Protein backbone atom coordinates (compact mmCIF):
# COMPACT_ATOMS: atom_id res chain seq x y z
CA UNK A 1 0.00 0.00 0.00
CA UNK A 2 2.79 2.38 0.91
CA UNK A 3 4.67 1.55 -2.28
CA UNK A 4 1.66 2.30 -4.48
CA UNK A 5 1.25 5.60 -2.70
CA UNK A 6 4.92 6.43 -3.21
CA UNK A 7 4.72 5.51 -6.88
CA UNK A 8 1.63 7.69 -7.33
CA UNK A 9 3.41 10.51 -5.55
CA UNK A 10 6.49 10.11 -7.76
CA UNK A 11 4.37 10.02 -10.93
CA UNK A 12 2.48 13.11 -9.79
CA UNK A 13 5.74 14.95 -9.03
CA UNK A 14 7.22 13.90 -12.37
CA UNK A 15 4.14 15.17 -14.24
CA UNK A 16 4.20 18.41 -12.28
CA UNK A 17 7.90 18.97 -13.04
CA UNK A 18 7.33 18.17 -16.71
CA UNK A 19 4.51 20.69 -16.86
CA UNK A 20 6.70 23.37 -15.27
CA UNK A 21 9.49 22.69 -17.78
CA UNK A 22 7.08 22.83 -20.74
CA UNK A 23 5.58 26.11 -19.54
CA UNK A 24 9.06 27.58 -18.97
CA UNK A 25 10.27 26.58 -22.43
CA UNK A 26 7.08 27.89 -24.02
CA UNK A 27 7.37 31.29 -22.36
CA UNK A 28 11.09 31.51 -23.21
CA UNK A 29 10.28 30.86 -26.86
CA UNK A 30 7.47 33.43 -26.69
CA UNK A 31 9.91 36.02 -25.40
CA UNK A 32 12.29 35.57 -28.32
CA UNK A 33 12.97 38.96 -29.82
CA UNK A 34 12.68 39.66 -33.52
CA UNK A 35 15.31 41.89 -35.09
CA UNK A 36 12.66 43.88 -36.98
CA UNK A 37 9.53 45.58 -35.71
CA UNK A 38 6.16 44.63 -37.23
CA UNK A 39 6.09 47.86 -39.26
CA UNK A 40 9.62 47.21 -40.54
CA UNK A 41 8.70 43.66 -41.56
CA UNK A 42 5.81 45.10 -43.57
CA UNK A 43 8.14 47.61 -45.27
CA UNK A 44 10.46 44.78 -46.32
CA UNK A 45 7.49 42.87 -47.76
CA UNK A 46 6.30 45.94 -49.67
CA UNK A 47 9.69 46.70 -51.22
CA UNK A 48 10.33 43.90 -53.71
CA UNK A 49 12.74 45.86 -55.89
CA UNK A 50 16.17 45.03 -54.50
CA UNK A 51 17.44 48.62 -54.41
CA UNK A 52 14.41 49.77 -52.40
CA UNK A 53 14.67 46.78 -50.08
CA UNK A 54 18.34 47.58 -49.41
CA UNK A 55 17.35 51.20 -48.71
CA UNK A 56 14.84 49.98 -46.12
CA UNK A 57 17.32 47.60 -44.46
CA UNK A 58 20.01 50.31 -44.33
CA UNK A 59 17.55 52.75 -42.78
CA UNK A 60 16.67 50.12 -40.16
CA UNK A 61 20.36 49.84 -39.28
CA UNK A 62 20.65 53.64 -39.12
CA UNK A 63 17.68 53.69 -36.71
CA UNK A 64 19.45 51.27 -34.40
CA UNK A 65 22.69 53.24 -34.47
CA UNK A 66 20.66 56.33 -33.58
CA UNK A 67 19.10 54.52 -30.61
CA UNK A 68 22.62 53.59 -29.49
CA UNK A 69 23.52 57.29 -29.57
CA UNK A 70 25.76 56.84 -32.62
CA UNK A 71 25.38 59.18 -35.59
CA UNK A 72 25.73 56.91 -38.60
CA UNK A 73 25.30 59.69 -41.14
CA UNK A 74 22.29 57.99 -42.70
CA UNK A 75 18.89 59.34 -43.50
CA UNK A 76 16.49 59.61 -40.60
CA UNK A 77 12.85 58.63 -40.90
CA UNK A 78 10.95 61.69 -42.07
CA UNK A 79 7.96 62.83 -40.03
CA UNK A 80 5.61 62.17 -42.95
CA UNK A 81 6.88 58.55 -43.07
CA UNK A 82 6.82 57.96 -39.31
CA UNK A 83 3.50 56.10 -39.47
CA UNK A 84 4.85 53.67 -42.08
CA UNK A 85 7.94 52.97 -39.98
CA UNK A 86 6.08 52.64 -36.70
CA UNK A 87 7.62 52.97 -33.29
CA UNK A 88 11.40 52.75 -33.10
CA UNK A 89 12.72 49.40 -31.96
CA UNK A 90 13.57 48.98 -28.31
CA UNK A 91 16.22 46.98 -26.59
CA UNK A 92 19.52 46.97 -24.80
CA UNK A 93 22.73 47.81 -26.61
CA UNK A 94 23.38 44.08 -26.91
CA UNK A 95 20.00 43.58 -28.59
CA UNK A 96 20.46 46.57 -30.91
CA UNK A 97 23.91 45.36 -32.02
CA UNK A 98 22.34 41.93 -32.56
CA UNK A 99 19.70 43.63 -34.75
CA UNK A 100 22.41 45.40 -36.77
CA UNK A 101 24.21 42.11 -37.36
CA UNK A 102 21.01 40.36 -38.44
CA UNK A 103 19.98 43.24 -40.73
CA UNK A 104 23.37 43.19 -42.46
CA UNK A 105 23.02 39.43 -42.80
CA UNK A 106 19.51 39.87 -44.28
CA UNK A 107 20.76 42.42 -46.82
CA UNK A 108 23.58 40.09 -47.88
CA UNK A 109 21.19 37.13 -48.09
CA UNK A 110 18.70 39.07 -50.22
CA UNK A 111 21.44 40.00 -52.69
CA UNK A 112 22.89 36.47 -52.65
CA UNK A 113 19.47 34.96 -53.39
CA UNK A 114 19.11 37.10 -56.49
CA UNK A 115 22.63 36.29 -57.64
CA UNK A 116 22.07 32.55 -57.10
CA UNK A 117 18.61 32.50 -58.69
CA UNK A 118 19.06 35.14 -61.33
CA UNK A 119 16.77 33.36 -63.81
CA UNK A 120 13.93 33.33 -61.27
CA UNK A 121 14.40 36.94 -60.13
CA UNK A 122 12.00 39.71 -61.04
CA UNK A 123 13.11 41.23 -64.34
CA UNK A 124 14.20 44.51 -62.75
CA UNK A 125 16.18 42.69 -60.04
CA UNK A 126 18.30 40.48 -62.33
CA UNK A 127 22.06 40.82 -61.89
CA UNK A 128 22.44 42.30 -65.36
CA UNK A 129 19.64 44.79 -64.71
CA UNK A 130 19.96 48.33 -63.37
CA UNK A 131 18.72 47.67 -59.84
CA UNK A 132 21.06 44.88 -58.73
CA UNK A 133 24.36 46.78 -59.08
CA UNK A 134 22.65 49.88 -57.70
CA UNK A 135 21.57 47.92 -54.61
CA UNK A 136 25.03 46.44 -54.09
CA UNK A 137 26.64 49.87 -54.36
CA UNK A 138 24.12 51.35 -51.90
CA UNK A 139 24.89 48.57 -49.46
CA UNK A 140 28.62 49.10 -49.99
CA UNK A 141 28.30 52.84 -49.24
CA UNK A 142 26.42 52.00 -46.05
CA UNK A 143 28.99 49.36 -45.07
CA UNK A 144 31.76 51.93 -45.50
CA UNK A 145 29.84 54.27 -43.16
CA UNK A 146 29.17 51.55 -40.61
CA UNK A 147 32.64 49.99 -40.44
CA UNK A 148 34.44 52.78 -38.52
CA UNK A 149 31.45 53.18 -36.19
CA UNK A 150 31.48 49.48 -35.41
CA UNK A 151 35.23 49.56 -34.84
CA UNK A 152 34.83 52.28 -32.19
CA UNK A 153 31.85 50.45 -30.67
CA UNK A 154 33.89 47.26 -30.45
CA UNK A 155 36.42 48.99 -28.22
CA UNK A 156 33.59 50.19 -25.96
CA UNK A 157 31.59 46.93 -25.88
CA UNK A 158 30.07 46.15 -22.50
CA UNK A 159 30.71 42.42 -22.69
CA UNK A 160 31.94 39.65 -24.97
CA UNK A 161 28.48 38.90 -26.41
CA UNK A 162 28.08 42.50 -27.51
CA UNK A 163 31.62 42.54 -28.90
CA UNK A 164 30.90 39.33 -30.84
CA UNK A 165 27.85 40.87 -32.54
CA UNK A 166 29.87 43.97 -33.39
CA UNK A 167 32.79 41.96 -34.79
CA UNK A 168 30.40 39.84 -36.88
CA UNK A 169 28.85 43.04 -38.23
CA UNK A 170 32.31 44.34 -39.10
CA UNK A 171 33.05 41.12 -41.00
CA UNK A 172 29.79 41.50 -42.92
CA UNK A 173 30.71 45.08 -43.82
CA UNK A 174 34.11 43.93 -45.08
CA UNK A 175 32.48 41.16 -47.14
CA UNK A 176 30.06 43.66 -48.67
CA UNK A 177 32.90 46.02 -49.62
CA UNK A 178 34.89 43.14 -51.16
CA UNK A 179 31.88 41.89 -53.12
CA UNK A 180 31.08 45.36 -54.45
CA UNK A 181 34.64 45.64 -55.77
CA UNK A 182 33.89 42.76 -58.16
CA UNK A 183 31.04 44.62 -59.86
CA UNK A 184 31.77 46.01 -63.29
CA UNK A 185 32.07 49.78 -63.43
CA UNK A 186 28.72 51.50 -63.89
CA UNK A 187 27.89 52.31 -67.48
CA UNK A 188 27.18 55.97 -68.02
CA UNK A 189 24.29 56.41 -70.37
CA UNK A 190 24.28 59.29 -72.77
CA UNK A 191 21.15 61.06 -73.81
CA UNK A 192 20.33 60.48 -77.44
């Protein structure tokens, strides 16, 4: 009789512990932070032309630098566009540097996808089109702006996690600059 009671008690405790673990994991997953706000996600969806999408991603990075108190020299969101952009993102410096890293990664991925699937790309986004090299050059200009800022931020990083995100972002900027150097020189069109 005592053994059955003990077994029931153990089973009950095991079920209770399992439930606590499941609830803890579920709430931890629910607290996962996205690197874009809902409004920013919508802007990315709306901007299918690669040059416009890169503009949006670069502006998102500029917003995060601004929130970190770093003047990145980029365009700020105009008052008339504030509704489209929504509330600025929030987060600690670690989270904002994480966002910057992920946004650079997203920009690189978007360009890489077009380069890898050129035949499937929208006509205006093809690598031989006007928008692809324009987008890469815009991203390169932004990477050149971001690199010295990230270098200074790396020296001031609060901890190793923050420094790691900054160093990864610096590597992405260097990769962007290297990739842009492989583009053919822009063709100047003359008016006929």
